[in-house]
PDB file of N, CA and C in Angstrom:
ATOM      1  N   MET A   1     -22.446  -8.533  10.636  1.00  0.00           N
ATOM      2  CA  MET A   1     -21.991  -8.754   9.328  1.00  0.00           C
ATOM      3  C   MET A   1     -20.657  -8.114   9.109  1.00  0.00           C
ATOM      4  N   ARG A   2     -19.957  -8.146  10.113  1.00  0.00           N
ATOM      5  CA  ARG A   2     -18.730  -7.228  10.225  1.00  0.00           C
ATOM      6  C   ARG A   2     -17.587  -8.285   9.995  1.00  0.00           C
ATOM      7  N   SER A   3     -17.929  -9.540  10.134  1.00  0.00           N
ATOM      8  CA  SER A   3     -16.940 -10.665   9.720  1.00  0.00           C
ATOM      9  C   SER A   3     -16.652 -10.422   8.176  1.00  0.00           C
ATOM     10  N   LEU A   4     -17.376 -10.016   7.499  1.00  0.00           N
ATOM     11  CA  LEU A   4     -17.360 -10.218   6.090  1.00  0.00           C
ATOM     12  C   LEU A   4     -15.863  -8.989   5.581  1.00  0.00           C
ATOM     13  N   ILE A   5     -16.280  -8.100   6.455  1.00  0.00           N
ATOM     14  CA  ILE A   5     -15.131  -6.910   6.064  1.00  0.00           C
ATOM     15  C   ILE A   5     -13.769  -7.273   6.612  1.00  0.00           C
ATOM     16  N   ILE A   6     -13.841  -7.900   8.052  1.00  0.00           N
ATOM     17  CA  ILE A   6     -12.718  -8.261   8.661  1.00  0.00           C
ATOM     18  C   ILE A   6     -12.177  -9.528   7.473  1.00  0.00           C
ATOM     19  N   THR A   7     -12.904 -10.353   7.001  1.00  0.00           N
ATOM     20  CA  THR A   7     -12.355 -11.344   6.240  1.00  0.00           C
ATOM     21  C   THR A   7     -11.669 -10.713   4.993  1.00  0.00           C
ATOM     22  N   LEU A   8     -12.364  -9.540   4.351  1.00  0.00           N
ATOM     23  CA  LEU A   8     -11.740  -8.780   3.279  1.00  0.00           C
ATOM     24  C   LEU A   8     -10.489  -8.385   3.625  1.00  0.00           C
ATOM     25  N   PHE A   9     -10.202  -7.779   4.704  1.00  0.00           N
ATOM     26  CA  PHE A   9      -8.973  -7.284   5.208  1.00  0.00           C
ATOM     27  C   PHE A   9      -7.908  -8.271   5.452  1.00  0.00           C
ATOM     28  N   ILE A  10      -8.288  -9.306   5.747  1.00  0.00           N
ATOM     29  CA  ILE A  10      -7.265 -10.489   6.090  1.00  0.00           C
ATOM     30  C   ILE A  10      -6.867 -11.096   4.576  1.00  0.00           C
ATOM     31  N   PHE A  11      -7.943 -11.044   3.646  1.00  0.00           N
ATOM     32  CA  PHE A  11      -7.517 -11.492   2.132  1.00  0.00           C
ATOM     33  C   PHE A  11      -6.678 -10.608   1.699  1.00  0.00           C
ATOM     34  N   THR A  12      -7.048  -9.242   1.656  1.00  0.00           N
ATOM     35  CA  THR A  12      -6.016  -8.241   0.990  1.00  0.00           C
ATOM     36  C   THR A  12      -4.798  -8.269   1.532  1.00  0.00           C
ATOM     37  N   GLY A  13      -4.459  -8.556   3.153  1.00  0.00           N
ATOM     38  CA  GLY A  13      -2.980  -8.651   3.570  1.00  0.00           C
ATOM     39  C   GLY A  13      -2.356 -10.045   3.117  1.00  0.00           C
ATOM     40  N   PHE A  14      -3.522 -11.029   2.888  1.00  0.00           N
ATOM     41  CA  PHE A  14      -2.776 -12.270   2.312  1.00  0.00           C
ATOM     42  C   PHE A  14      -2.194 -12.225   0.971  1.00  0.00           C
ATOM     43  N   LEU A  15      -3.003 -11.529   0.193  1.00  0.00           N
ATOM     44  CA  LEU A  15      -2.588 -11.328  -1.241  1.00  0.00           C
ATOM     45  C   LEU A  15      -1.427 -10.434  -1.189  1.00  0.00           C
ATOM     46  N   ARG A  16      -1.186  -9.561  -0.523  1.00  0.00           N
ATOM     47  CA  ARG A  16      -0.036  -8.538  -0.503  1.00  0.00           C
ATOM     48  C   ARG A  16       1.291  -9.669   0.241  1.00  0.00           C
TER      49      ARG A  16
END
């Protein structure tokens, strides 16, 4: 379930 954390990181970078 590490993909969820990676997706969150990418989402945060995208929002920025």
